[in-house]
Protein backbone atom coordinates (compact mmCIF):
# COMPACT_ATOMS: atom_id res chain seq x y z
CA MET A 1 -20.09 4.78 -23.35
CA GLU A 2 -22.37 1.99 -24.25
CA ILE A 3 -23.27 -0.50 -21.63
CA HIS A 4 -24.74 -3.96 -21.68
CA GLN A 5 -25.91 -5.62 -18.62
CA VAL A 6 -25.99 -9.14 -17.44
CA LEU A 7 -27.44 -9.99 -14.03
CA ARG A 8 -26.04 -12.65 -12.23
CA PRO A 9 -27.72 -14.33 -9.12
CA SER A 10 -26.73 -12.34 -5.82
CA HIS A 11 -24.97 -13.71 -2.92
CA PRO A 12 -27.74 -13.54 -0.22
CA HIS A 13 -25.41 -12.64 2.80
CA VAL A 14 -24.01 -9.37 0.99
CA GLU A 15 -25.75 -6.29 1.03
CA VAL A 16 -24.51 -3.30 -0.88
CA THR A 17 -24.46 -0.77 1.86
CA GLY A 18 -22.09 1.17 4.17
CA ALA A 19 -18.56 0.06 3.56
CA HIS A 20 -19.51 -2.42 0.85
CA GLN A 21 -21.35 0.32 -1.18
CA LEU A 22 -18.24 2.72 -0.67
CA SER A 23 -16.08 -0.11 -2.18
CA TRP A 24 -18.10 -0.88 -5.23
CA ASN A 25 -18.33 2.95 -5.79
CA VAL A 26 -14.37 3.22 -5.60
CA MET A 27 -14.05 0.33 -7.86
CA LEU A 28 -16.57 1.62 -10.49
CA ASP A 29 -14.97 4.99 -10.55
CA ALA A 30 -11.39 3.12 -11.33
CA VAL A 31 -12.96 0.98 -13.86
CA PHE A 32 -14.67 3.75 -15.94
CA ALA A 33 -11.84 6.02 -15.55
CA ASP A 34 -9.46 3.28 -16.97
CA ALA A 35 -12.00 2.58 -19.53
CA SER A 36 -12.29 6.04 -20.65
CA GLN A 37 -8.48 6.27 -20.92
CA ALA A 38 -7.91 3.08 -22.58
CA GLY A 39 -10.32 3.81 -25.36
CA VAL A 40 -13.19 1.70 -24.65
CA ALA A 41 -16.56 2.39 -26.69
CA SER A 42 -18.71 -0.42 -25.05
CA MET A 43 -18.79 -2.42 -21.99
CA THR A 44 -20.44 -5.35 -20.79
CA VAL A 45 -21.10 -5.42 -17.10
CA SER A 46 -21.73 -8.82 -15.75
CA LEU A 47 -22.25 -8.32 -11.87
CA ALA A 48 -24.50 -9.93 -9.11
CA HIS A 49 -26.26 -6.87 -7.63
CA GLN A 50 -28.95 -4.63 -9.39
CA ASP A 51 -27.66 -1.42 -7.20
CA VAL A 52 -24.25 -1.99 -8.67
CA LEU A 53 -25.53 -2.42 -12.21
CA THR A 54 -27.23 0.82 -11.67
CA TRP A 55 -24.27 2.76 -10.50
CA ALA A 56 -22.43 1.44 -13.38
CA HIS A 57 -25.16 2.79 -15.83
CA LEU A 58 -24.87 6.14 -14.03
CA ARG A 59 -21.00 6.30 -14.76
CA ALA A 60 -21.50 4.90 -18.32
CA ASP A 61 -23.95 7.87 -19.04
CA VAL A 62 -21.09 10.45 -18.04
CA THR A 63 -18.16 8.69 -19.49
CA PRO A 64 -17.43 9.28 -23.32
CA ALA A 65 -16.38 6.60 -25.81
CA GLN A 66 -12.99 7.22 -26.68
CA GLY A 67 -12.35 4.58 -29.11
CA ASP A 68 -13.67 1.27 -30.41
CA ARG A 69 -12.49 -1.28 -28.01
CA ARG A 70 -14.58 -3.59 -26.15
CA ALA A 71 -14.36 -4.32 -22.23
CA ILE A 72 -16.00 -6.56 -19.73
CA LEU A 73 -16.49 -5.86 -16.11
CA CYS A 74 -17.13 -9.33 -14.27
CA GLN A 75 -16.88 -11.63 -11.38
CA SER A 76 -16.28 -14.62 -13.39
CA PHE A 77 -13.17 -15.48 -15.31
CA ASP A 78 -15.31 -17.62 -17.97
CA MET A 79 -16.71 -14.51 -19.30
CA MET A 80 -13.42 -13.11 -20.34
CA LEU A 81 -13.13 -16.01 -22.92
CA ASP A 82 -14.76 -13.96 -25.46
CA PRO A 83 -12.20 -12.94 -28.04
CA THR A 84 -14.14 -9.57 -28.92
CA TYR A 85 -12.92 -8.27 -25.43
CA THR A 86 -9.64 -6.48 -25.46
CA ILE A 87 -9.73 -5.18 -21.81
CA ALA A 88 -11.39 -7.01 -18.76
CA TYR A 89 -11.93 -5.91 -15.38
CA THR A 90 -12.36 -8.64 -12.74
CA VAL A 91 -13.73 -8.19 -9.38
CA GLU A 92 -12.91 -10.99 -6.85
CA HIS A 93 -14.75 -11.44 -3.69
CA GLY A 94 -12.81 -12.04 -0.58
CA GLY A 95 -15.42 -13.06 1.74
CA VAL A 96 -15.83 -12.12 5.52
CA LEU A 97 -12.22 -12.93 6.44
CA GLY A 98 -10.68 -11.49 2.96
CA GLY A 99 -8.29 -14.32 2.91
CA ALA A 100 -10.55 -16.59 0.70
CA ILE A 101 -9.55 -14.65 -2.51
CA GLN A 102 -7.56 -16.71 -4.91
CA ARG A 103 -5.41 -14.69 -6.88
CA ARG A 104 -5.30 -15.39 -10.41
CA ASN A 105 -1.90 -14.51 -12.19
CA HIS A 106 -2.74 -16.16 -15.20
CA LEU A 107 -5.70 -17.57 -17.11
CA SER A 108 -6.18 -20.88 -18.81
CA ASP A 109 -5.57 -19.33 -22.29
CA HIS A 110 -2.77 -17.42 -21.61
CA THR A 111 -3.52 -14.60 -23.53
CA TRP A 112 -4.28 -12.03 -20.82
CA VAL A 113 -1.88 -9.80 -19.11
CA ALA A 114 -2.76 -8.08 -15.57
CA ARG A 115 -2.08 -4.60 -16.09
CA GLN A 116 -3.16 -3.22 -12.81
CA GLN A 117 -4.34 -4.49 -9.55
CA CYS A 118 -6.10 -2.85 -6.25
CA TRP A 119 -7.41 -4.39 -3.05
CA VAL A 120 -10.51 -2.59 -1.88
CA TYR A 121 -11.96 -2.56 1.47
CA THR A 122 -8.70 -3.73 3.27
CA TRP A 123 -8.30 -4.96 6.72
CA LYS A 124 -7.00 -1.75 8.04
CA SER A 125 -10.21 -0.12 6.84
CA ARG A 126 -12.30 -2.91 8.53
CA LEU A 127 -10.39 -2.14 11.69
CA MET A 128 -11.23 1.22 11.87
CA GLY A 129 -14.77 0.51 12.55
CA ILE A 130 -14.00 -0.16 16.14
CA PRO A 131 -12.95 3.36 16.95
CA ILE A 132 -15.72 4.88 14.94
CA ARG A 133 -18.29 2.73 17.00
CA LEU A 134 -16.60 3.82 20.03
CA ALA A 135 -16.56 7.53 19.21
CA ASN A 136 -20.15 7.27 18.17
CA ALA A 137 -21.05 5.63 21.63
CA ALA A 138 -19.27 8.25 23.20
CA ARG A 139 -21.41 11.03 21.19
CA ARG A 140 -18.08 12.63 19.55
CA PRO A 141 -19.10 13.31 16.30
CA ASP A 142 -15.49 15.11 15.85
CA LEU A 143 -13.79 11.73 16.54
CA VAL A 144 -16.53 9.92 14.32
CA ASP A 145 -15.42 12.12 11.37
CA ARG A 146 -11.40 11.96 12.05
CA TYR A 147 -11.82 8.03 12.20
CA MET A 148 -14.15 7.89 8.97
CA ARG A 149 -11.59 9.96 7.08
CA GLU A 150 -8.91 7.73 8.18
CA MET A 151 -11.10 4.64 6.89
CA ARG A 152 -11.42 5.83 3.69
CA ALA A 153 -7.58 6.74 3.40
CA GLN A 154 -7.16 2.85 4.21
CA MET A 155 -9.79 1.80 1.89
CA VAL A 156 -7.60 1.02 -1.32
CA SER A 157 -4.23 -0.63 -1.47
CA ARG A 158 -2.06 -0.96 -4.44
CA LYS A 159 0.03 -3.38 -2.76
CA SER A 160 -1.19 -6.91 -1.92
CA THR A 161 -3.20 -7.20 1.20
CA VAL A 162 -5.90 -9.04 3.06
CA SER A 163 -9.12 -7.35 1.59
CA TYR A 164 -12.66 -7.76 1.01
CA TYR A 165 -12.44 -6.94 -2.88
CA HIS A 166 -9.80 -7.50 -5.24
CA LEU A 167 -9.92 -5.60 -8.67
CA THR A 168 -7.82 -6.50 -11.80
CA VAL A 169 -7.51 -4.75 -15.02
CA TRP A 170 -6.48 -7.16 -17.73
CA GLU A 171 -5.47 -6.57 -21.12
CA ARG A 172 -5.57 -9.07 -24.07
CA GLY A 173 -1.82 -9.53 -25.09
CA VAL A 174 0.38 -11.66 -27.16
CA ALA A 175 0.05 -15.32 -26.09
CA GLN A 176 2.94 -16.13 -23.46
CA LEU A 177 4.59 -19.48 -23.71
């Protein structure tokens, strides 16, 4: 798959390590799997972190171009206004508390339809950090592994929940009145 990149300025307080790295990898896996099935030939990636752009390039190298559609992966809804894109993947950042994400059910031009949504790095996965740290302090690697596995199981939700990231798959549809 052909990929075009646009690097946006990063939020200085957010590092892409640990659970954030796992979250971005989960989201990128979902985006490129969907793009492959949807017939995307080229994707514009407009994200804030160079590390995430590198991971996107790695996935694009192994994802075959299936059709002739153009897509965009972005954190800004303004980027979606280009009429040449037929699919858009948006990642909203919820901040430390996760409640700050403003869920977008429609866009200003009403030509995009939300096809799929997932909430990544949910509050349940965040809470699993407590027993992981306690098990680590108790020098119990067996419990650390068990809690890490549970944390990964709770990382993504298809139901609306408090989360750090919100991934939405948009498809250009017929204008709704």
